[in-house]
Amino acid sequence: MCIGVPMQVITPQGRHALCEGRGQRRRVGVALVGDVTPGDWLLVFLDDARERIDAARAVEVNAALDLVLGAIQGKSQPPATVDFNLPSQMSAEQMRALTGQ
């Protein structure tokens, strides 16, 4: 399974960019998202940006990743900062809106 990690552009470098996210700095390919500028948020899979996201979406994805990490570490309570519903907590109507059906 491949997990997307939100990363923020620090320095564009042509078809790559130096990015930072979740305590890491990495050189990321940006060919699939086009030109980037410092401060842009990207969803990165295996050192390649696949999608541009906004800061609010980056917070949501990071919160979801924190939940996964907490589960792996055996923590039973989610962090207090989670302010969105996971799909398992959504109604059928909310799921249809989420999936565009």
PDB file of N, CA and C in Angstrom:
ATOM      1  N   MET A   1       0.847  -1.166   0.000  1.00  0.00           N
ATOM      2  CA  MET A   1       0.000   0.000   0.000  1.00  0.00           C
ATOM      3  C   MET A   1       0.900   1.238   0.000  1.00  0.00           C
ATOM      4  N   CYS A   2       0.481   2.229  -0.716  1.00  0.00           N
ATOM      5  CA  CYS A   2       1.223   3.487  -0.805  1.00  0.00           C
ATOM      6  C   CYS A   2       0.401   4.570  -0.104  1.00  0.00           C
ATOM      7  N   ILE A   3       1.034   5.291   0.780  1.00  0.00           N
ATOM      8  CA  ILE A   3       0.349   6.335   1.546  1.00  0.00           C
ATOM      9  C   ILE A   3       0.864   7.700   1.124  1.00  0.00           C
ATOM     10  N   GLY A   4      -0.067   8.603   0.819  1.00  0.00           N
ATOM     11  CA  GLY A   4       0.298   9.965   0.463  1.00  0.00           C
ATOM     12  C   GLY A   4       0.621  10.786   1.691  1.00  0.00           C
ATOM     13  N   VAL A   5       1.681  11.565   1.592  1.00  0.00           N
ATOM     14  CA  VAL A   5       2.135  12.407   2.697  1.00  0.00           C
ATOM     15  C   VAL A   5       2.093  13.867   2.259  1.00  0.00           C
ATOM     16  N   PRO A   6       1.435  14.731   3.023  1.00  0.00           N
ATOM     17  CA  PRO A   6       1.434  16.155   2.695  1.00  0.00           C
ATOM     18  C   PRO A   6       2.827  16.744   2.906  1.00  0.00           C
ATOM     19  N   MET A   7       3.309  17.450   1.908  1.00  0.00           N
ATOM     20  CA  MET A   7       4.614  18.102   2.023  1.00  0.00           C
ATOM     21  C   MET A   7       4.503  19.503   1.448  1.00  0.00           C
ATOM     22  N   GLN A   8       5.223  20.432   2.060  1.00  0.00           N
ATOM     23  CA  GLN A   8       5.204  21.826   1.626  1.00  0.00           C
ATOM     24  C   GLN A   8       6.495  22.140   0.886  1.00  0.00           C
ATOM     25  N   VAL A   9       6.339  22.838  -0.232  1.00  0.00           N
ATOM     26  CA  VAL A   9       7.493  23.203  -1.054  1.00  0.00           C
ATOM     27  C   VAL A   9       8.334  24.234  -0.325  1.00  0.00           C
ATOM     28  N   ILE A  10       9.640  23.932  -0.226  1.00  0.00           N
ATOM     29  CA  ILE A  10      10.602  24.874   0.352  1.00  0.00           C
ATOM     30  C   ILE A  10      11.301  25.617  -0.783  1.00  0.00           C
ATOM     31  N   THR A  11      11.843  24.848  -1.745  1.00  0.00           N
ATOM     32  CA  THR A  11      12.591  25.427  -2.860  1.00  0.00           C
ATOM     33  C   THR A  11      12.293  24.668  -4.141  1.00  0.00           C
ATOM     34  N   PRO A  12      11.714  25.319  -5.163  1.00  0.00           N
ATOM     35  CA  PRO A  12      11.546  24.661  -6.463  1.00  0.00           C
ATOM     36  C   PRO A  12      12.916  24.405  -7.096  1.00  0.00           C
ATOM     37  N   GLN A  13      13.049  23.273  -7.783  1.00  0.00           N
ATOM     38  CA  GLN A  13      14.302  22.911  -8.438  1.00  0.00           C
ATOM     39  C   GLN A  13      13.990  22.309  -9.808  1.00  0.00           C
ATOM     40  N   GLY A  14      13.390  23.087 -10.691  1.00  0.00           N
ATOM     41  CA  GLY A  14      13.029  22.589 -12.022  1.00  0.00           C
ATOM     42  C   GLY A  14      11.907  21.567 -11.930  1.00  0.00           C
ATOM     43  N   ARG A  15      12.188  20.336 -12.371  1.00  0.00           N
ATOM     44  CA  ARG A  15      11.177  19.268 -12.339  1.00  0.00           C
ATOM     45  C   ARG A  15      11.112  18.577 -10.977  1.00  0.00           C
ATOM     46  N   HIS A  16      11.805  19.150  -9.999  1.00  0.00           N
ATOM     47  CA  HIS A  16      11.803  18.662  -8.629  1.00  0.00           C
ATOM     48  C   HIS A  16      11.618  19.850  -7.689  1.00  0.00           C
ATOM     49  N   ALA A  17      11.440  19.530  -6.424  1.00  0.00           N
ATOM     50  CA  ALA A  17      11.368  20.580  -5.403  1.00  0.00           C
ATOM     51  C   ALA A  17      11.849  20.000  -4.082  1.00  0.00           C
ATOM     52  N   LEU A  18      12.521  20.825  -3.312  1.00  0.00           N
ATOM     53  CA  LEU A  18      12.856  20.444  -1.944  1.00  0.00           C
ATOM     54  C   LEU A  18      11.599  20.698  -1.119  1.00  0.00           C
ATOM     55  N   CYS A  19      11.109  19.659  -0.454  1.00  0.00           N
ATOM     56  CA  CYS A  19       9.858  19.754   0.296  1.00  0.00           C
ATOM     57  C   CYS A  19      10.066  19.275   1.721  1.00  0.00           C
ATOM     58  N   GLU A  20       9.158  19.712   2.595  1.00  0.00           N
ATOM     59  CA  GLU A  20       9.222  19.334   4.000  1.00  0.00           C
ATOM     60  C   GLU A  20       7.838  18.925   4.471  1.00  0.00           C
ATOM     61  N   GLY A  21       7.802  17.839   5.236  1.00  0.00           N
ATOM     62  CA  GLY A  21       6.541  17.390   5.808  1.00  0.00           C
ATOM     63  C   GLY A  21       6.758  16.236   6.756  1.00  0.00           C
ATOM     64  N   ARG A  22       6.003  16.224   7.858  1.00  0.00           N
ATOM     65  CA  ARG A  22       6.061  15.165   8.866  1.00  0.00           C
ATOM     66  C   ARG A  22       7.485  14.927   9.360  1.00  0.00           C
ATOM     67  N   GLY A  23       8.224  16.023   9.523  1.00  0.00           N
ATOM     68  CA  GLY A  23       9.563  15.944  10.084  1.00  0.00           C
ATOM     69  C   GLY A  23      10.649  15.506   9.116  1.00  0.00           C
ATOM     70  N   GLN A  24      10.346  15.490   7.826  1.00  0.00           N
ATOM     71  CA  GLN A  24      11.325  15.074   6.824  1.00  0.00           C
ATOM     72  C   GLN A  24      11.496  16.149   5.766  1.00  0.00           C
ATOM     73  N   ARG A  25      12.682  16.204   5.196  1.00  0.00           N
ATOM     74  CA  ARG A  25      12.949  17.016   4.003  1.00  0.00           C
ATOM     75  C   ARG A  25      13.327  16.051   2.903  1.00  0.00           C
ATOM     76  N   ARG A  26      12.680  16.206   1.734  1.00  0.00           N
ATOM     77  CA  ARG A  26      12.969  15.306   0.624  1.00  0.00           C
ATOM     78  C   ARG A  26      12.915  16.057  -0.697  1.00  0.00           C
ATOM     79  N   ARG A  27      13.646  15.522  -1.661  1.00  0.00           N
ATOM     80  CA  ARG A  27      13.588  16.015  -3.042  1.00  0.00           C
ATOM     81  C   ARG A  27      12.447  15.258  -3.716  1.00  0.00           C
ATOM     82  N   VAL A  28      11.468  16.009  -4.210  1.00  0.00           N
ATOM     83  CA  VAL A  28      10.231  15.444  -4.727  1.00  0.00           C
ATOM     84  C   VAL A  28      10.082  15.790  -6.199  1.00  0.00           C
ATOM     85  N   GLY A  29       9.699  14.823  -7.002  1.00  0.00           N
ATOM     86  CA  GLY A  29       9.388  15.077  -8.402  1.00  0.00           C
ATOM     87  C   GLY A  29       8.059  15.804  -8.527  1.00  0.00           C
ATOM     88  N   VAL A  30       8.015  16.838  -9.371  1.00  0.00           N
ATOM     89  CA  VAL A  30       6.785  17.632  -9.521  1.00  0.00           C
ATOM     90  C   VAL A  30       6.258  17.621 -10.954  1.00  0.00           C
ATOM     91  N   ALA A  31       6.737  16.706 -11.776  1.00  0.00           N
ATOM     92  CA  ALA A  31       6.325  16.664 -13.182  1.00  0.00           C
ATOM     93  C   ALA A  31       4.817  16.512 -13.335  1.00  0.00           C
ATOM     94  N   LEU A  32       4.157  15.790 -12.434  1.00  0.00           N
ATOM     95  CA  LEU A  32       2.716  15.544 -12.560  1.00  0.00           C
ATOM     96  C   LEU A  32       1.848  16.710 -12.092  1.00  0.00           C
ATOM     97  N   VAL A  33       2.434  17.657 -11.345  1.00  0.00           N
ATOM     98  CA  VAL A  33       1.647  18.787 -10.841  1.00  0.00           C
ATOM     99  C   VAL A  33       2.052  20.119 -11.452  1.00  0.00           C
ATOM    100  N   GLY A  34       3.120  20.143 -12.234  1.00  0.00           N
ATOM    101  CA  GLY A  34       3.545  21.381 -12.882  1.00  0.00           C
ATOM    102  C   GLY A  34       4.396  22.258 -11.980  1.00  0.00           C
ATOM    103  N   ASP A  35       4.530  23.512 -12.387  1.00  0.00           N
ATOM    104  CA  ASP A  35       5.374  24.453 -11.647  1.00  0.00           C
ATOM    105  C   ASP A  35       4.849  24.653 -10.233  1.00  0.00           C
ATOM    106  N   VAL A  36       5.772  24.729  -9.285  1.00  0.00           N
ATOM    107  CA  VAL A  36       5.414  24.951  -7.887  1.00  0.00           C
ATOM    108  C   VAL A  36       6.175  26.163  -7.356  1.00  0.00           C
ATOM    109  N   THR A  37       5.644  26.740  -6.302  1.00  0.00           N
ATOM    110  CA  THR A  37       6.295  27.878  -5.653  1.00  0.00           C
ATOM    111  C   THR A  37       6.435  27.571  -4.164  1.00  0.00           C
ATOM    112  N   PRO A  38       7.383  28.236  -3.492  1.00  0.00           N
ATOM    113  CA  PRO A  38       7.530  28.013  -2.060  1.00  0.00           C
ATOM    114  C   PRO A  38       6.198  28.241  -1.332  1.00  0.00           C
ATOM    115  N   GLY A  39       5.898  27.328  -0.422  1.00  0.00           N
ATOM    116  CA  GLY A  39       4.642  27.412   0.329  1.00  0.00           C
ATOM    117  C   GLY A  39       3.537  26.533  -0.214  1.00  0.00           C
ATOM    118  N   ASP A  40       3.641  26.086  -1.475  1.00  0.00           N
ATOM    119  CA  ASP A  40       2.626  25.188  -2.036  1.00  0.00           C
ATOM    120  C   ASP A  40       2.596  23.884  -1.254  1.00  0.00           C
ATOM    121  N   TRP A  41       1.402  23.313  -1.119  1.00  0.00           N
ATOM    122  CA  TRP A  41       1.234  22.010  -0.479  1.00  0.00           C
ATOM    123  C   TRP A  41       1.009  20.957  -1.548  1.00  0.00           C
ATOM    124  N   LEU A  42       1.677  19.811  -1.387  1.00  0.00           N
ATOM    125  CA  LEU A  42       1.578  18.705  -2.330  1.00  0.00           C
ATOM    126  C   LEU A  42       1.280  17.423  -1.574  1.00  0.00           C
ATOM    127  N   LEU A  43       0.556  16.510  -2.218  1.00  0.00           N
ATOM    128  CA  LEU A  43       0.373  15.173  -1.666  1.00  0.00           C
ATOM    129  C   LEU A  43       1.380  14.287  -2.377  1.00  0.00           C
ATOM    130  N   VAL A  44       2.331  13.735  -1.612  1.00  0.00           N
ATOM    131  CA  VAL A  44       3.502  13.052  -2.166  1.00  0.00           C
ATOM    132  C   VAL A  44       3.409  11.551  -1.914  1.00  0.00           C
ATOM    133  N   PHE A  45       3.597  10.778  -2.978  1.00  0.00           N
ATOM    134  CA  PHE A  45       3.642   9.322  -2.924  1.00  0.00           C
ATOM    135  C   PHE A  45       4.990   8.885  -3.482  1.00  0.00           C
ATOM    136  N   LEU A  46       5.779   8.178  -2.675  1.00  0.00           N
ATOM    137  CA  LEU A  46       7.058   7.635  -3.144  1.00  0.00           C
ATOM    138  C   LEU A  46       7.925   8.692  -3.824  1.00  0.00           C
ATOM    139  N   ASP A  47       8.059   9.839  -3.202  1.00  0.00           N
ATOM    140  CA  ASP A  47       8.898  10.955  -3.662  1.00  0.00           C
ATOM    141  C   ASP A  47       8.438  11.608  -4.969  1.00  0.00           C
ATOM    142  N   ASP A  48       7.175  11.427  -5.323  1.00  0.00           N
ATOM    143  CA  ASP A  48       6.587  12.129  -6.466  1.00  0.00           C
ATOM    144  C   ASP A  48       5.280  12.773  -6.038  1.00  0.00           C
ATOM    145  N   ALA A  49       5.132  14.064  -6.335  1.00  0.00           N
ATOM    146  CA  ALA A  49       3.884  14.761  -6.038  1.00  0.00           C
ATOM    147  C   ALA A  49       2.825  14.303  -7.028  1.00  0.00           C
ATOM    148  N   ARG A  50       1.677  13.909  -6.510  1.00  0.00           N
ATOM    149  CA  ARG A  50       0.576  13.450  -7.365  1.00  0.00           C
ATOM    150  C   ARG A  50      -0.580  14.441  -7.414  1.00  0.00           C
ATOM    151  N   GLU A  51      -0.612  15.346  -6.424  1.00  0.00           N
ATOM    152  CA  GLU A  51      -1.763  16.252  -6.319  1.00  0.00           C
ATOM    153  C   GLU A  51      -1.370  17.497  -5.549  1.00  0.00           C
ATOM    154  N   ARG A  52      -1.920  18.634  -5.967  1.00  0.00           N
ATOM    155  CA  ARG A  52      -1.812  19.865  -5.180  1.00  0.00           C
ATOM    156  C   ARG A  52      -2.956  19.850  -4.173  1.00  0.00           C
ATOM    157  N   ILE A  53      -2.656  20.258  -2.954  1.00  0.00           N
ATOM    158  CA  ILE A  53      -3.692  20.352  -1.933  1.00  0.00           C
ATOM    159  C   ILE A  53      -3.553  21.689  -1.227  1.00  0.00           C
ATOM    160  N   ASP A  54      -4.595  22.074  -0.492  1.00  0.00           N
ATOM    161  CA  ASP A  54      -4.484  23.309   0.277  1.00  0.00           C
ATOM    162  C   ASP A  54      -4.069  22.976   1.707  1.00  0.00           C
ATOM    163  N   ALA A  55      -3.794  24.003   2.486  1.00  0.00           N
ATOM    164  CA  ALA A  55      -3.300  23.805   3.853  1.00  0.00           C
ATOM    165  C   ALA A  55      -4.319  23.058   4.713  1.00  0.00           C
ATOM    166  N   ALA A  56      -5.609  23.323   4.517  1.00  0.00           N
ATOM    167  CA  ALA A  56      -6.642  22.640   5.308  1.00  0.00           C
ATOM    168  C   ALA A  56      -6.639  21.142   5.018  1.00  0.00           C
ATOM    169  N   ARG A  57      -6.489  20.772   3.753  1.00  0.00           N
ATOM    170  CA  ARG A  57      -6.435  19.350   3.389  1.00  0.00           C
ATOM    171  C   ARG A  57      -5.172  18.703   3.958  1.00  0.00           C
ATOM    172  N   ALA A  58      -4.062  19.428   3.966  1.00  0.00           N
ATOM    173  CA  ALA A  58      -2.826  18.908   4.556  1.00  0.00           C
ATOM    174  C   ALA A  58      -3.035  18.586   6.031  1.00  0.00           C
ATOM    175  N   VAL A  59      -3.744  19.447   6.755  1.00  0.00           N
ATOM    176  CA  VAL A  59      -4.031  19.212   8.171  1.00  0.00           C
ATOM    177  C   VAL A  59      -4.884  17.952   8.324  1.00  0.00           C
ATOM    178  N   GLU A  60      -5.898  17.789   7.482  1.00  0.00           N
ATOM    179  CA  GLU A  60      -6.756  16.598   7.548  1.00  0.00           C
ATOM    180  C   GLU A  60      -5.966  15.316   7.294  1.00  0.00           C
ATOM    181  N   VAL A  61      -5.150  15.318   6.250  1.00  0.00           N
ATOM    182  CA  VAL A  61      -4.374  14.121   5.925  1.00  0.00           C
ATOM    183  C   VAL A  61      -3.390  13.820   7.038  1.00  0.00           C
ATOM    184  N   ASN A  62      -2.729  14.841   7.565  1.00  0.00           N
ATOM    185  CA  ASN A  62      -1.806  14.622   8.679  1.00  0.00           C
ATOM    186  C   ASN A  62      -2.528  14.054   9.901  1.00  0.00           C
ATOM    187  N   ALA A  63      -3.736  14.532  10.181  1.00  0.00           N
ATOM    188  CA  ALA A  63      -4.513  14.014  11.309  1.00  0.00           C
ATOM    189  C   ALA A  63      -4.853  12.536  11.080  1.00  0.00           C
ATOM    190  N   ALA A  64      -5.223  12.180   9.855  1.00  0.00           N
ATOM    191  CA  ALA A  64      -5.524  10.779   9.543  1.00  0.00           C
ATOM    192  C   ALA A  64      -4.265   9.919   9.700  1.00  0.00           C
ATOM    193  N   LEU A  65      -3.130  10.419   9.240  1.00  0.00           N
ATOM    194  CA  LEU A  65      -1.873   9.680   9.401  1.00  0.00           C
ATOM    195  C   LEU A  65      -1.507   9.528  10.875  1.00  0.00           C
ATOM    196  N   ASP A  66      -1.801  10.551  11.679  1.00  0.00           N
ATOM    197  CA  ASP A  66      -1.563  10.462  13.120  1.00  0.00           C
ATOM    198  C   ASP A  66      -2.432   9.373  13.748  1.00  0.00           C
ATOM    199  N   LEU A  67      -3.682   9.242  13.277  1.00  0.00           N
ATOM    200  CA  LEU A  67      -4.564   8.178  13.775  1.00  0.00           C
ATOM    201  C   LEU A  67      -3.999   6.801  13.439  1.00  0.00           C
ATOM    202  N   VAL A  68      -3.529   6.635  12.216  1.00  0.00           N
ATOM    203  CA  VAL A  68      -2.942   5.358  11.807  1.00  0.00           C
ATOM    204  C   VAL A  68      -1.713   5.053  12.659  1.00  0.00           C
ATOM    205  N   LEU A  69      -0.843   6.033  12.825  1.00  0.00           N
ATOM    206  CA  LEU A  69       0.355   5.848  13.636  1.00  0.00           C
ATOM    207  C   LEU A  69      -0.023   5.490  15.077  1.00  0.00           C
ATOM    208  N   GLY A  70      -1.028   6.164  15.618  1.00  0.00           N
ATOM    209  CA  GLY A  70      -1.486   5.864  16.972  1.00  0.00           C
ATOM    210  C   GLY A  70      -2.004   4.439  17.091  1.00  0.00           C
ATOM    211  N   ALA A  71      -2.740   3.975  16.085  1.00  0.00           N
ATOM    212  CA  ALA A  71      -3.244   2.599  16.097  1.00  0.00           C
ATOM    213  C   ALA A  71      -2.095   1.606  16.055  1.00  0.00           C
ATOM    214  N   ILE A  72      -1.103   1.880  15.230  1.00  0.00           N
ATOM    215  CA  ILE A  72       0.059   1.000  15.138  1.00  0.00           C
ATOM    216  C   ILE A  72       0.794   0.946  16.472  1.00  0.00           C
ATOM    217  N   GLN A  73       0.852   2.079  17.160  1.00  0.00           N
ATOM    218  CA  GLN A  73       1.555   2.157  18.436  1.00  0.00           C
ATOM    219  C   GLN A  73       0.703   1.695  19.620  1.00  0.00           C
ATOM    220  N   GLY A  74      -0.550   1.299  19.344  1.00  0.00           N
ATOM    221  CA  GLY A  74      -1.414   0.770  20.395  1.00  0.00           C
ATOM    222  C   GLY A  74      -2.133   1.812  21.216  1.00  0.00           C
ATOM    223  N   LYS A  75      -2.188   3.042  20.747  1.00  0.00           N
ATOM    224  CA  LYS A  75      -2.921   4.084  21.469  1.00  0.00           C
ATOM    225  C   LYS A  75      -4.408   3.895  21.215  1.00  0.00           C
ATOM    226  N   SER A  76      -5.199   3.944  22.271  1.00  0.00           N
ATOM    227  CA  SER A  76      -6.634   3.674  22.114  1.00  0.00           C
ATOM    228  C   SER A  76      -7.454   4.922  21.850  1.00  0.00           C
ATOM    229  N   GLN A  77      -6.963   6.087  22.200  1.00  0.00           N
ATOM    230  CA  GLN A  77      -7.723   7.323  22.030  1.00  0.00           C
ATOM    231  C   GLN A  77      -7.166   8.145  20.885  1.00  0.00           C
ATOM    232  N   PRO A  78      -8.036   8.637  19.982  1.00  0.00           N
ATOM    233  CA  PRO A  78      -7.544   9.503  18.908  1.00  0.00           C
ATOM    234  C   PRO A  78      -7.109  10.852  19.469  1.00  0.00           C
ATOM    235  N   PRO A  79      -6.218  11.537  18.754  1.00  0.00           N
ATOM    236  CA  PRO A  79      -5.806  12.872  19.203  1.00  0.00           C
ATOM    237  C   PRO A  79      -7.002  13.822  19.261  1.00  0.00           C
ATOM    238  N   ALA A  80      -6.956  14.766  20.173  1.00  0.00           N
ATOM    239  CA  ALA A  80      -8.053  15.723  20.341  1.00  0.00           C
ATOM    240  C   ALA A  80      -8.185  16.665  19.154  1.00  0.00           C
ATOM    241  N   THR A  81      -7.168  16.739  18.293  1.00  0.00           N
ATOM    242  CA  THR A  81      -7.197  17.683  17.180  1.00  0.00           C
ATOM    243  C   THR A  81      -7.987  17.184  15.984  1.00  0.00           C
ATOM    244  N   VAL A  82      -8.477  15.951  16.006  1.00  0.00           N
ATOM    245  CA  VAL A  82      -9.233  15.419  14.872  1.00  0.00           C
ATOM    246  C   VAL A  82     -10.602  16.068  14.859  1.00  0.00           C
ATOM    247  N   ASP A  83     -10.888  16.830  13.802  1.00  0.00           N
ATOM    248  CA  ASP A  83     -12.168  17.526  13.725  1.00  0.00           C
ATOM    249  C   ASP A  83     -12.905  17.211  12.424  1.00  0.00           C
ATOM    250  N   PHE A  84     -12.769  15.975  11.966  1.00  0.00           N
ATOM    251  CA  PHE A  84     -13.493  15.525  10.782  1.00  0.00           C
ATOM    252  C   PHE A  84     -13.925  14.086  11.018  1.00  0.00           C
ATOM    253  N   ASN A  85     -14.935  13.652  10.258  1.00  0.00           N
ATOM    254  CA  ASN A  85     -15.420  12.283  10.391  1.00  0.00           C
ATOM    255  C   ASN A  85     -14.712  11.367   9.410  1.00  0.00           C
ATOM    256  N   LEU A  86     -14.277  10.221   9.904  1.00  0.00           N
ATOM    257  CA  LEU A  86     -13.761   9.194   9.017  1.00  0.00           C
ATOM    258  C   LEU A  86     -14.939   8.585   8.265  1.00  0.00           C
ATOM    259  N   PRO A  87     -14.703   8.011   7.076  1.00  0.00           N
ATOM    260  CA  PRO A  87     -15.805   7.422   6.315  1.00  0.00           C
ATOM    261  C   PRO A  87     -16.647   6.433   7.116  1.00  0.00           C
ATOM    262  N   SER A  88     -16.038   5.681   8.011  1.00  0.00           N
ATOM    263  CA  SER A  88     -16.803   4.714   8.812  1.00  0.00           C
ATOM    264  C   SER A  88     -17.790   5.389   9.760  1.00  0.00           C
ATOM    265  N   GLN A  89     -17.624   6.674  10.001  1.00  0.00           N
ATOM    266  CA  GLN A  89     -18.503   7.421  10.890  1.00  0.00           C
ATOM    267  C   GLN A  89     -19.561   8.226  10.125  1.00  0.00           C
ATOM    268  N   MET A  90     -19.539   8.169   8.785  1.00  0.00           N
ATOM    269  CA  MET A  90     -20.427   8.993   7.967  1.00  0.00           C
ATOM    270  C   MET A  90     -21.728   8.274   7.648  1.00  0.00           C
ATOM    271  N   SER A  91     -22.766   9.094   7.439  1.00  0.00           N
ATOM    272  CA  SER A  91     -24.057   8.555   7.007  1.00  0.00           C
ATOM    273  C   SER A  91     -23.982   8.215   5.515  1.00  0.00           C
ATOM    274  N   ALA A  92     -24.975   7.501   5.021  1.00  0.00           N
ATOM    275  CA  ALA A  92     -25.027   7.152   3.596  1.00  0.00           C
ATOM    276  C   ALA A  92     -25.060   8.414   2.739  1.00  0.00           C
ATOM    277  N   GLU A  93     -25.787   9.435   3.186  1.00  0.00           N
ATOM    278  CA  GLU A  93     -25.864  10.698   2.441  1.00  0.00           C
ATOM    279  C   GLU A  93     -24.498  11.386   2.385  1.00  0.00           C
ATOM    280  N   GLN A  94     -23.786  11.404   3.502  1.00  0.00           N
ATOM    281  CA  GLN A  94     -22.452  12.008   3.528  1.00  0.00           C
ATOM    282  C   GLN A  94     -21.479  11.236   2.623  1.00  0.00           C
ATOM    283  N   MET A  95     -21.590   9.924   2.599  1.00  0.00           N
ATOM    284  CA  MET A  95     -20.722   9.105   1.740  1.00  0.00           C
ATOM    285  C   MET A  95     -21.004   9.394   0.270  1.00  0.00           C
ATOM    286  N   ARG A  96     -22.284   9.544  -0.097  1.00  0.00           N
ATOM    287  CA  ARG A  96     -22.617   9.871  -1.490  1.00  0.00           C
ATOM    288  C   ARG A  96     -22.032  11.224  -1.870  1.00  0.00           C
ATOM    289  N   ALA A  97     -22.108  12.205  -0.979  1.00  0.00           N
ATOM    290  CA  ALA A  97     -21.544  13.523  -1.254  1.00  0.00           C
ATOM    291  C   ALA A  97     -20.025  13.432  -1.374  1.00  0.00           C
ATOM    292  N   LEU A  98     -19.392  12.631  -0.533  1.00  0.00           N
ATOM    293  CA  LEU A  98     -17.949  12.478  -0.547  1.00  0.00           C
ATOM    294  C   LEU A  98     -17.466  11.830  -1.847  1.00  0.00           C
ATOM    295  N   THR A  99     -18.217  10.843  -2.335  1.00  0.00           N
ATOM    296  CA  THR A  99     -17.810  10.096  -3.530  1.00  0.00           C
ATOM    297  C   THR A  99     -18.376  10.676  -4.826  1.00  0.00           C
ATOM    298  N   GLY A 100     -19.181  11.719  -4.725  1.00  0.00           N
ATOM    299  CA  GLY A 100     -19.717  12.351  -5.924  1.00  0.00           C
ATOM    300  C   GLY A 100     -20.860  11.587  -6.565  1.00  0.00           C
ATOM    301  N   GLN A 101     -21.543  10.765  -5.814  1.00  0.00           N
ATOM    302  CA  GLN A 101     -22.658   9.971  -6.370  1.00  0.00           C
ATOM    303  C   GLN A 101     -23.974  10.645  -6.137  1.00  0.00           C
TER     304      GLN A 101
END
